N, C-alpha and C. Protein backbone atom coordinates (compact mmCIF):
# COMPACT_ATOMS: atom_id res chain seq x y z
N MET A 1 -24.76 40.40 12.65
CA MET A 1 -24.58 38.92 11.96
C MET A 1 -25.18 38.46 11.53
N ASP A 2 -26.94 38.24 11.38
CA ASP A 2 -27.68 37.61 10.94
C ASP A 2 -27.48 38.37 9.13
N HIS A 3 -27.51 39.69 9.12
CA HIS A 3 -27.23 39.98 7.76
C HIS A 3 -26.07 39.04 6.95
N ILE A 4 -24.91 38.77 7.61
CA ILE A 4 -23.63 38.17 6.95
C ILE A 4 -24.47 36.78 6.58
N PHE A 5 -25.35 36.21 7.27
CA PHE A 5 -25.55 35.04 7.25
C PHE A 5 -27.24 34.81 5.78
N GLN A 6 -27.48 36.31 6.02
CA GLN A 6 -28.58 36.42 4.67
C GLN A 6 -28.03 36.39 3.39
N LEU A 7 -26.78 36.80 3.22
CA LEU A 7 -26.04 36.95 2.15
C LEU A 7 -26.40 35.66 1.25
N PHE A 8 -26.16 34.37 1.73
CA PHE A 8 -26.22 33.16 1.08
C PHE A 8 -27.75 32.44 0.71
N ASP A 9 -28.69 33.09 1.16
CA ASP A 9 -29.52 32.52 1.42
C ASP A 9 -30.86 33.00 0.31
N GLN A 10 -30.51 34.19 -0.04
CA GLN A 10 -31.63 34.57 -1.52
C GLN A 10 -30.50 34.87 -2.33
N PRO A 11 -30.57 33.84 -3.47
CA PRO A 11 -29.49 34.92 -4.91
C PRO A 11 -30.00 35.67 -5.60
N GLY A 12 -29.42 36.76 -5.74
CA GLY A 12 -29.80 38.06 -6.25
C GLY A 12 -30.47 38.99 -5.86
N ILE A 13 -30.72 39.20 -4.30
CA ILE A 13 -30.99 39.61 -3.73
C ILE A 13 -30.10 41.11 -3.39
N GLU A 14 -30.30 42.43 -3.43
CA GLU A 14 -29.74 43.52 -3.07
C GLU A 14 -30.12 44.25 -2.07
N TYR A 15 -29.03 44.03 -0.61
CA TYR A 15 -29.23 44.30 0.33
C TYR A 15 -28.83 46.09 0.78
N PRO A 16 -29.45 46.34 1.96
CA PRO A 16 -28.55 47.94 1.46
C PRO A 16 -27.43 47.78 1.79
N ASN A 17 -26.33 48.90 1.65
CA ASN A 17 -25.46 49.35 1.81
C ASN A 17 -24.71 48.81 3.28
N PRO A 18 -23.58 48.32 3.58
CA PRO A 18 -23.26 47.89 4.83
C PRO A 18 -22.09 49.38 4.53
N PRO A 19 -22.04 49.56 6.07
CA PRO A 19 -20.91 50.53 6.42
C PRO A 19 -19.58 50.47 6.42
N HIS A 20 -19.32 50.81 4.26
CA HIS A 20 -17.61 50.62 4.50
C HIS A 20 -17.12 51.89 4.77
N LYS A 21 -15.61 51.85 5.35
CA LYS A 21 -14.97 52.93 5.15
C LYS A 21 -14.76 53.57 4.33
N ASN A 22 -14.34 52.71 2.97
CA ASN A 22 -14.06 53.24 1.15
C ASN A 22 -14.89 52.76 0.60
N PRO A 23 -16.43 52.63 0.69
CA PRO A 23 -17.21 52.06 -0.38
C PRO A 23 -16.62 52.12 -1.87
N ALA A 24 -15.69 53.28 -2.34
CA ALA A 24 -15.44 53.59 -3.48
C ALA A 24 -14.27 52.93 -3.82
N ASN A 25 -13.83 52.32 -2.61
CA ASN A 25 -12.44 51.40 -2.99
C ASN A 25 -12.79 49.75 -2.72
N PRO A 26 -13.12 49.06 -3.48
CA PRO A 26 -13.30 47.85 -2.65
C PRO A 26 -11.88 47.13 -2.31
N LEU A 27 -10.73 47.51 -3.28
CA LEU A 27 -9.61 46.93 -2.86
C LEU A 27 -8.54 47.50 -1.22
N ASP A 28 -9.44 48.49 -0.73
CA ASP A 28 -9.58 48.83 0.56
C ASP A 28 -9.05 47.53 1.66
N PRO A 29 -8.76 47.07 2.53
CA PRO A 29 -8.17 46.66 2.86
C PRO A 29 -9.32 46.50 4.12
N ASP A 30 -10.32 47.50 4.30
CA ASP A 30 -11.23 47.16 5.31
C ASP A 30 -12.91 46.98 4.45
N PHE A 31 -12.46 47.00 3.28
CA PHE A 31 -13.54 46.42 2.14
C PHE A 31 -14.70 45.37 3.26
N PHE A 32 -14.32 44.62 3.71
CA PHE A 32 -15.05 43.71 4.07
C PHE A 32 -15.85 43.76 5.28
N ASP A 33 -15.17 45.15 5.84
CA ASP A 33 -16.01 45.60 7.61
C ASP A 33 -17.14 45.48 7.38
N GLY A 34 -18.47 44.83 7.55
CA GLY A 34 -19.92 44.72 7.76
C GLY A 34 -20.62 43.90 6.90
N VAL A 35 -19.32 43.12 5.59
CA VAL A 35 -20.12 42.55 4.69
C VAL A 35 -19.34 40.81 5.03
N LEU A 36 -18.13 40.58 5.37
CA LEU A 36 -17.98 39.34 5.72
C LEU A 36 -16.84 39.26 6.77
N GLN A 37 -16.96 40.35 7.07
CA GLN A 37 -16.21 40.11 9.10
C GLN A 37 -17.13 39.58 10.04
N ILE A 38 -16.26 38.27 10.20
CA ILE A 38 -16.79 37.75 11.05
C ILE A 38 -15.93 37.00 12.78
N PRO A 39 -16.50 37.95 14.02
CA PRO A 39 -15.16 37.68 14.99
C PRO A 39 -14.94 36.31 15.00
N GLN A 40 -13.56 36.57 15.28
CA GLN A 40 -12.92 35.06 15.10
C GLN A 40 -13.26 34.49 16.35
N ASN A 41 -13.88 34.70 17.31
CA ASN A 41 -14.62 33.41 18.25
C ASN A 41 -15.59 32.76 17.27
N GLN A 42 -16.37 33.74 16.86
CA GLN A 42 -17.72 33.29 16.45
C GLN A 42 -17.67 32.29 15.49
N LEU A 43 -16.44 32.82 14.27
CA LEU A 43 -15.83 32.06 13.41
C LEU A 43 -15.33 30.52 13.95
N GLN A 44 -15.01 30.40 14.65
CA GLN A 44 -14.44 29.16 15.46
C GLN A 44 -15.65 28.11 16.15
N ALA A 45 -16.70 29.15 16.80
CA ALA A 45 -17.88 28.18 16.95
C ALA A 45 -18.60 27.53 15.61
N LEU A 46 -18.27 27.48 14.76
CA LEU A 46 -18.69 27.32 13.42
C LEU A 46 -18.99 26.12 13.22
N HIS A 47 -19.25 24.87 13.33
CA HIS A 47 -18.67 23.40 13.44
C HIS A 47 -18.70 23.24 12.21
N ILE A 48 -19.99 23.48 11.27
CA ILE A 48 -19.53 22.90 9.78
C ILE A 48 -19.05 24.41 9.21
N PRO A 49 -18.04 24.05 8.48
CA PRO A 49 -17.62 25.57 7.75
C PRO A 49 -18.73 25.38 6.72
N SER A 50 -19.52 26.85 6.85
CA SER A 50 -20.35 27.01 5.82
C SER A 50 -19.80 28.11 4.81
N GLU A 51 -20.90 28.31 3.44
CA GLU A 51 -20.13 29.59 2.83
C GLU A 51 -19.62 30.76 3.02
N THR A 52 -20.44 30.81 3.72
CA THR A 52 -20.08 32.59 4.69
C THR A 52 -19.06 32.14 5.25
N VAL A 53 -18.38 31.18 6.06
CA VAL A 53 -17.23 31.32 6.84
C VAL A 53 -16.57 30.78 5.80
N LEU A 54 -16.72 30.13 4.77
CA LEU A 54 -15.20 29.65 3.77
C LEU A 54 -15.16 31.09 3.08
N ILE A 55 -16.43 32.08 3.03
CA ILE A 55 -15.51 33.45 2.37
C ILE A 55 -14.80 34.67 3.38
N GLU A 56 -15.21 34.14 4.50
CA GLU A 56 -14.90 35.08 5.47
C GLU A 56 -13.06 34.79 5.05
N ILE A 57 -12.57 33.42 5.24
CA ILE A 57 -11.56 33.05 5.32
C ILE A 57 -10.97 33.54 4.10
N LEU A 58 -11.28 33.10 3.31
CA LEU A 58 -11.46 34.27 1.63
C LEU A 58 -10.94 34.99 2.19
N GLY A 59 -11.38 35.80 2.22
CA GLY A 59 -11.47 37.15 2.69
C GLY A 59 -9.95 37.83 3.46
N ARG A 60 -9.87 36.86 4.29
CA ARG A 60 -8.48 37.14 5.34
C ARG A 60 -7.27 36.89 4.53
N ARG A 61 -6.89 35.77 3.80
CA ARG A 61 -6.24 35.47 3.11
C ARG A 61 -6.02 36.58 1.86
N LEU A 62 -7.24 37.40 1.16
CA LEU A 62 -6.86 38.18 0.63
C LEU A 62 -6.43 39.62 1.45
N ARG A 63 -6.78 40.07 2.65
CA ARG A 63 -6.21 41.43 3.44
C ARG A 63 -4.91 40.82 4.17
N ASN A 64 -4.41 39.30 3.83
CA ASN A 64 -3.06 39.49 3.76
C ASN A 64 -2.84 38.75 5.42
N GLU A 65 -4.60 38.61 6.34
CA GLU A 65 -4.21 38.42 7.74
C GLU A 65 -3.96 37.08 7.80
N PRO A 66 -3.31 36.14 9.07
CA PRO A 66 -2.95 35.04 8.88
C PRO A 66 -4.72 33.87 9.31
N ILE A 67 -4.43 32.70 9.10
CA ILE A 67 -5.74 32.25 8.79
C ILE A 67 -5.30 30.80 9.71
N ASN A 68 -6.31 30.99 10.80
CA ASN A 68 -5.87 30.08 12.19
C ASN A 68 -6.36 28.48 12.19
N GLU A 69 -7.27 28.98 11.21
CA GLU A 69 -7.96 27.00 11.11
C GLU A 69 -7.47 25.76 10.69
N ILE A 70 -6.48 25.22 10.98
CA ILE A 70 -5.87 24.42 11.02
C ILE A 70 -6.25 22.84 10.06
N TRP A 71 -8.00 23.22 9.50
CA TRP A 71 -8.18 22.55 8.95
C TRP A 71 -8.56 23.26 7.13
N ILE A 72 -8.02 24.36 7.00
CA ILE A 72 -7.73 24.90 5.48
C ILE A 72 -5.98 24.81 5.58
N ASN A 73 -5.73 23.75 4.09
CA ASN A 73 -4.55 23.57 3.42
C ASN A 73 -3.99 24.60 2.49
N GLN A 74 -2.96 25.18 2.44
CA GLN A 74 -2.63 25.93 1.51
C GLN A 74 -1.97 25.32 0.67
N ILE A 75 -1.68 24.98 -0.62
CA ILE A 75 -1.18 24.39 -1.49
C ILE A 75 -1.97 25.24 -2.73
N ASN A 76 -1.05 24.99 -3.90
CA ASN A 76 -1.38 25.22 -5.41
C ASN A 76 -2.60 24.40 -6.00
N PHE A 77 -3.64 24.32 -5.51
CA PHE A 77 -4.34 22.75 -5.67
C PHE A 77 -4.25 22.68 -6.92
N TYR A 78 -4.32 23.36 -8.32
CA TYR A 78 -4.74 22.95 -9.14
C TYR A 78 -3.18 22.22 -10.04
N GLN A 79 -2.42 22.64 -9.58
CA GLN A 79 -1.27 22.00 -10.01
C GLN A 79 -0.74 20.43 -9.74
N HIS A 80 -2.13 20.00 -9.00
CA HIS A 80 -2.71 18.04 -8.51
C HIS A 80 -3.54 17.54 -9.48
N SER A 81 -3.11 16.73 -9.49
CA SER A 81 -4.26 15.75 -10.38
C SER A 81 -4.90 15.11 -9.31
N PRO A 82 -6.01 14.37 -8.80
CA PRO A 82 -6.83 13.64 -7.91
C PRO A 82 -5.42 11.86 -7.51
N ALA A 83 -4.99 11.90 -7.96
CA ALA A 83 -3.93 10.77 -7.78
C ALA A 83 -2.76 11.34 -6.97
N THR A 84 -2.71 12.74 -7.20
CA THR A 84 -1.21 13.04 -6.35
C THR A 84 -1.74 13.64 -5.06
N LEU A 85 -3.34 14.39 -5.11
CA LEU A 85 -3.59 14.64 -3.72
C LEU A 85 -3.39 13.72 -3.01
N GLY A 86 -4.26 12.61 -3.70
CA GLY A 86 -4.21 11.14 -3.05
C GLY A 86 -3.60 10.92 -1.52
N GLY A 87 -2.18 11.28 -2.32
CA GLY A 87 -0.63 11.08 -1.79
C GLY A 87 -0.22 11.63 -0.87
N ILE A 88 -0.82 13.00 -0.95
CA ILE A 88 -0.17 13.71 0.27
C ILE A 88 -0.82 13.78 1.84
N SER A 89 -0.81 14.41 3.05
CA SER A 89 -1.23 14.46 3.81
C SER A 89 -2.13 15.75 3.84
N PHE A 90 -3.24 16.10 4.40
CA PHE A 90 -3.85 17.10 4.50
C PHE A 90 -4.56 16.79 5.60
N GLN A 91 -4.70 17.95 6.38
CA GLN A 91 -5.73 17.91 7.66
C GLN A 91 -7.20 18.09 7.28
N ALA A 92 -8.06 17.72 7.66
CA ALA A 92 -9.28 17.79 7.15
C ALA A 92 -10.61 18.29 8.41
N HIS A 93 -11.62 18.38 7.92
CA HIS A 93 -12.69 18.90 9.19
C HIS A 93 -14.25 17.81 8.63
N ASN A 94 -13.61 17.42 9.42
CA ASN A 94 -15.00 15.65 9.44
C ASN A 94 -15.16 15.24 7.90
N GLY A 95 -13.35 14.69 7.49
CA GLY A 95 -13.64 13.71 6.25
C GLY A 95 -13.71 14.83 5.09
N THR A 96 -13.89 15.85 4.90
CA THR A 96 -13.53 17.12 3.95
C THR A 96 -12.44 17.83 3.89
N PHE A 97 -11.67 18.35 2.81
CA PHE A 97 -10.63 18.83 2.69
C PHE A 97 -10.63 20.47 2.03
N PHE A 98 -10.18 21.32 2.79
CA PHE A 98 -10.16 22.81 2.32
C PHE A 98 -8.67 22.95 1.53
N PHE A 99 -8.87 23.83 1.26
CA PHE A 99 -7.81 24.36 0.39
C PHE A 99 -8.20 25.75 -0.17
N ILE A 100 -7.34 26.61 0.47
CA ILE A 100 -6.84 27.90 -0.31
C ILE A 100 -5.79 28.26 -1.20
N THR A 101 -6.19 28.19 -2.66
CA THR A 101 -4.94 27.75 -3.79
C THR A 101 -5.55 28.76 -4.41
N PRO A 102 -4.12 29.55 -5.02
CA PRO A 102 -3.43 30.56 -6.06
C PRO A 102 -5.08 29.93 -7.71
N ILE A 103 -5.43 30.79 -8.29
CA ILE A 103 -5.85 31.03 -9.66
C ILE A 103 -5.28 32.00 -10.27
N ALA A 104 -5.04 31.02 -11.72
CA ALA A 104 -4.65 31.78 -12.77
C ALA A 104 -4.84 32.19 -13.55
N ARG A 105 -4.84 33.22 -14.33
CA ARG A 105 -6.26 34.63 -14.54
C ARG A 105 -5.48 34.27 -16.30
N CYS A 106 -7.10 34.15 -17.49
CA CYS A 106 -5.89 34.30 -19.03
C CYS A 106 -7.00 35.31 -19.28
N GLY A 107 -7.72 36.23 -18.59
CA GLY A 107 -8.36 37.41 -19.30
C GLY A 107 -9.35 37.96 -18.09
N LEU A 108 -9.53 39.47 -18.45
CA LEU A 108 -10.04 40.22 -17.27
C LEU A 108 -10.96 39.84 -16.72
N ASN A 109 -12.04 39.34 -17.28
CA ASN A 109 -13.02 38.69 -16.68
C ASN A 109 -13.22 36.98 -16.70
N ARG A 110 -12.11 36.45 -16.93
CA ARG A 110 -12.37 34.72 -17.10
C ARG A 110 -11.08 33.97 -16.36
N ILE A 111 -10.95 32.90 -15.66
CA ILE A 111 -10.07 32.42 -15.34
C ILE A 111 -10.03 31.06 -15.71
N ASN A 112 -8.48 30.62 -16.01
CA ASN A 112 -7.57 29.94 -16.15
C ASN A 112 -7.49 28.67 -15.25
N ARG A 113 -8.44 27.20 -15.11
CA ARG A 113 -8.22 26.06 -14.14
C ARG A 113 -7.03 25.24 -15.26
N THR A 114 -6.39 25.87 -15.61
CA THR A 114 -5.41 24.75 -16.40
C THR A 114 -4.85 24.17 -15.61
N ILE A 115 -5.05 22.77 -15.38
CA ILE A 115 -4.10 21.50 -15.05
C ILE A 115 -2.95 21.20 -15.47
N GLU A 116 -2.06 21.46 -14.87
CA GLU A 116 -0.61 20.71 -15.27
C GLU A 116 -0.51 19.55 -16.18
N GLU A 117 0.37 19.47 -16.88
CA GLU A 117 0.03 18.78 -17.44
C GLU A 117 0.89 16.80 -16.34
N GLY A 118 -0.19 15.89 -16.59
CA GLY A 118 -0.70 14.88 -15.83
C GLY A 118 -1.72 14.98 -14.76
N GLY A 119 -2.47 15.92 -15.10
CA GLY A 119 -3.71 16.20 -14.01
C GLY A 119 -4.65 15.53 -14.25
N SER A 120 -5.43 15.01 -13.96
CA SER A 120 -6.70 14.66 -14.36
C SER A 120 -8.06 14.89 -14.19
N TRP A 121 -8.72 16.59 -13.80
CA TRP A 121 -9.93 16.17 -13.42
C TRP A 121 -10.43 16.61 -14.71
N SER A 122 -11.71 16.21 -14.96
CA SER A 122 -12.39 16.43 -15.51
C SER A 122 -13.96 17.06 -15.40
N HIS A 123 -14.36 17.64 -16.18
CA HIS A 123 -15.05 19.07 -16.00
C HIS A 123 -16.34 18.21 -15.93
N ALA A 124 -17.78 18.10 -15.19
CA ALA A 124 -18.62 17.85 -15.00
C ALA A 124 -19.76 18.57 -14.41
N GLY A 125 -19.91 19.76 -14.77
CA GLY A 125 -20.89 20.63 -14.60
C GLY A 125 -20.32 21.62 -13.81
N GLY A 126 -21.41 22.71 -13.54
CA GLY A 126 -21.37 23.63 -12.11
C GLY A 126 -22.02 25.07 -12.71
N ARG A 127 -22.09 25.84 -11.60
CA ARG A 127 -23.18 27.20 -12.13
C ARG A 127 -22.28 28.16 -11.25
N VAL A 128 -22.83 28.95 -11.30
CA VAL A 128 -22.17 30.59 -10.40
C VAL A 128 -23.45 31.37 -10.54
N LYS A 129 -23.59 31.36 -8.88
CA LYS A 129 -24.67 31.95 -8.05
C LYS A 129 -23.85 33.19 -7.78
N GLU A 130 -24.87 34.64 -8.00
CA GLU A 130 -23.99 36.33 -7.64
C GLU A 130 -24.73 36.73 -6.87
N ILE A 131 -24.78 37.14 -5.62
CA ILE A 131 -25.36 38.04 -5.02
C ILE A 131 -24.90 39.07 -5.05
N MET A 132 -25.28 40.64 -5.14
CA MET A 132 -25.30 41.58 -4.88
C MET A 132 -25.20 42.31 -3.95
N ASP A 133 -24.33 43.03 -3.01
CA ASP A 133 -24.17 42.97 -1.22
C ASP A 133 -23.73 44.64 -1.67
N GLY A 134 -24.81 45.66 -1.15
CA GLY A 134 -24.21 47.13 -1.64
C GLY A 134 -23.58 47.15 -2.68
N GLY A 135 -23.97 46.95 -3.63
CA GLY A 135 -23.38 47.26 -5.05
C GLY A 135 -22.24 46.42 -5.56
N HIS A 136 -21.22 45.64 -4.43
CA HIS A 136 -20.64 44.34 -5.04
C HIS A 136 -21.11 43.52 -4.75
N ARG A 137 -19.63 42.57 -5.84
CA ARG A 137 -20.64 41.21 -5.24
C ARG A 137 -19.89 40.04 -4.58
N VAL A 138 -21.02 39.15 -4.58
CA VAL A 138 -19.69 38.12 -3.50
C VAL A 138 -20.30 36.79 -4.66
N ARG A 139 -19.45 35.95 -5.05
CA ARG A 139 -19.91 34.83 -5.67
C ARG A 139 -19.17 33.55 -5.65
N SER A 140 -20.01 32.93 -5.55
CA SER A 140 -19.82 31.57 -5.01
C SER A 140 -19.83 31.22 -6.13
N ARG A 141 -18.53 30.40 -7.10
CA ARG A 141 -18.40 29.74 -8.04
C ARG A 141 -18.77 27.95 -7.30
N ARG A 142 -19.47 26.94 -8.45
CA ARG A 142 -18.96 25.27 -8.12
C ARG A 142 -18.54 24.86 -9.28
N SER A 143 -17.73 24.14 -9.14
CA SER A 143 -17.51 23.23 -10.73
C SER A 143 -17.17 22.32 -9.56
N TYR A 144 -17.92 21.26 -10.83
CA TYR A 144 -18.15 19.67 -9.88
C TYR A 144 -17.37 18.96 -11.17
N HIS A 145 -15.62 18.35 -10.72
CA HIS A 145 -15.03 17.50 -11.28
C HIS A 145 -15.18 15.86 -10.76
N TYR A 146 -14.65 15.34 -11.12
CA TYR A 146 -14.67 13.69 -10.59
C TYR A 146 -13.86 13.09 -11.35
N LYS A 147 -12.82 12.01 -10.76
CA LYS A 147 -12.03 11.44 -11.30
C LYS A 147 -12.23 10.50 -12.57
N PRO A 148 -10.91 10.53 -12.91
CA PRO A 148 -11.86 10.02 -14.73
C PRO A 148 -11.42 8.30 -14.29
N PRO A 149 -11.94 7.54 -15.21
CA PRO A 149 -12.08 6.29 -15.47
C PRO A 149 -10.24 5.09 -15.03
N ALA A 150 -9.44 6.20 -15.57
CA ALA A 150 -8.11 4.90 -15.66
C ALA A 150 -7.89 5.13 -13.99
N ALA A 151 -8.35 6.52 -13.65
CA ALA A 151 -7.65 6.82 -11.57
C ALA A 151 -8.43 5.95 -10.87
N ASP A 152 -8.39 5.76 -9.94
CA ASP A 152 -8.92 4.92 -8.27
C ASP A 152 -10.46 5.22 -8.76
N ALA A 153 -11.04 3.88 -8.83
CA ALA A 153 -13.10 4.18 -8.94
C ALA A 153 -13.30 5.02 -7.95
N ASP A 154 -12.67 5.84 -6.53
CA ASP A 154 -13.28 6.72 -6.16
C ASP A 154 -13.64 7.98 -6.50
N ARG A 155 -14.56 8.44 -6.66
CA ARG A 155 -15.01 9.88 -7.04
C ARG A 155 -14.91 10.80 -6.13
N TRP A 156 -14.60 11.63 -6.18
CA TRP A 156 -14.52 13.22 -5.66
C TRP A 156 -15.20 14.17 -6.26
N LEU A 157 -15.65 15.11 -5.07
CA LEU A 157 -17.13 16.42 -5.34
C LEU A 157 -15.53 17.76 -5.15
N MET A 158 -15.93 18.30 -5.83
CA MET A 158 -14.80 19.73 -5.56
C MET A 158 -15.61 20.81 -6.17
N LYS A 159 -15.56 21.59 -5.09
CA LYS A 159 -16.57 22.81 -5.18
C LYS A 159 -15.24 24.25 -4.77
N GLU A 160 -15.68 25.52 -5.74
CA GLU A 160 -15.06 26.58 -5.68
C GLU A 160 -15.38 27.73 -5.41
N TYR A 161 -15.00 28.09 -4.26
CA TYR A 161 -15.59 29.63 -4.01
C TYR A 161 -14.67 30.46 -4.03
N THR A 162 -15.33 31.63 -4.60
CA THR A 162 -14.21 33.26 -5.05
C THR A 162 -15.07 33.97 -4.62
N VAL A 163 -14.32 35.28 -4.54
CA VAL A 163 -15.02 36.94 -4.16
C VAL A 163 -13.80 37.90 -5.02
N TYR A 164 -15.34 38.29 -5.94
CA TYR A 164 -14.29 39.28 -6.79
C TYR A 164 -15.43 40.94 -6.89
N PRO A 165 -15.15 41.91 -6.22
CA PRO A 165 -15.49 42.98 -6.03
C PRO A 165 -14.55 43.18 -7.10
N LEU A 166 -13.62 43.27 -7.71
CA LEU A 166 -12.95 43.75 -8.60
C LEU A 166 -11.66 42.45 -8.88
N HIS A 167 -11.64 42.37 -10.83
CA HIS A 167 -11.14 41.24 -10.91
C HIS A 167 -9.50 41.18 -10.65
N GLU A 168 -9.01 42.58 -9.83
CA GLU A 168 -7.57 42.46 -9.26
C GLU A 168 -7.40 41.51 -7.77
N MET A 169 -8.60 41.43 -7.16
CA MET A 169 -8.86 40.24 -6.21
C MET A 169 -8.62 39.52 -6.36
N ASN A 170 -9.20 38.98 -7.37
CA ASN A 170 -9.95 37.85 -7.35
C ASN A 170 -8.66 36.84 -8.45
N ASN A 171 -7.34 36.71 -7.10
CA ASN A 171 -6.51 35.27 -7.73
C ASN A 171 -6.47 34.46 -6.54
N PHE A 172 -7.31 34.54 -5.46
CA PHE A 172 -7.18 33.16 -4.48
C PHE A 172 -8.73 33.06 -4.50
N ALA A 173 -8.69 31.45 -4.40
CA ALA A 173 -9.48 30.58 -4.21
C ALA A 173 -9.87 30.01 -2.82
N VAL A 174 -10.81 29.15 -2.99
CA VAL A 174 -11.29 27.85 -1.63
C VAL A 174 -11.89 27.27 -2.45
N VAL A 175 -10.87 26.02 -2.14
CA VAL A 175 -11.18 24.80 -2.83
C VAL A 175 -11.96 23.66 -1.93
N LYS A 176 -13.18 23.12 -1.79
CA LYS A 176 -13.63 22.28 -1.00
C LYS A 176 -13.77 20.79 -1.49
N LEU A 177 -13.21 20.04 -1.24
CA LEU A 177 -13.13 18.31 -2.04
C LEU A 177 -13.52 17.28 -0.81
N HIS A 178 -14.67 16.79 -1.25
CA HIS A 178 -15.13 15.40 -0.65
C HIS A 178 -15.40 14.48 -1.54
N ARG A 179 -15.51 13.48 -0.91
CA ARG A 179 -15.91 11.99 -1.57
C ARG A 179 -17.68 11.74 -1.45
């Protein structure tokens, strides 16, 4: 368990190889064993969703396993503007909204965050933190977006988390949205 939480403590540090059943094929459903697997009872006991918890939930989505956390909303986040998101009733966790959303690809190593016409997210900065674990990359990508002046005066902070040992897996993200 300590090994899991060390993943996000020291960016750029390589950790020893975990016991993968098939380390040559990260697309194997067992890829996350020993890396991101958190027992369900321990996951529910964590009151504040950390990056590790969000990545674990995303791993379950990639493995087509059920997501039992009622505070995770499953929508196509990037098809909405801040204004339309405000008009939809979502489950929240301590005033913060979490979404699992599909993401569109525009190339082998790039992701296209195109918002549908009428969307109003404006990019205000961001950074990528990569962590190597057993030769596999675990990425936490944080992008910050705000409502434009023409919309509501409220500002929203959006953070996006993805996992991509191989580009084929990088088709979902967890989005954290809060004021």
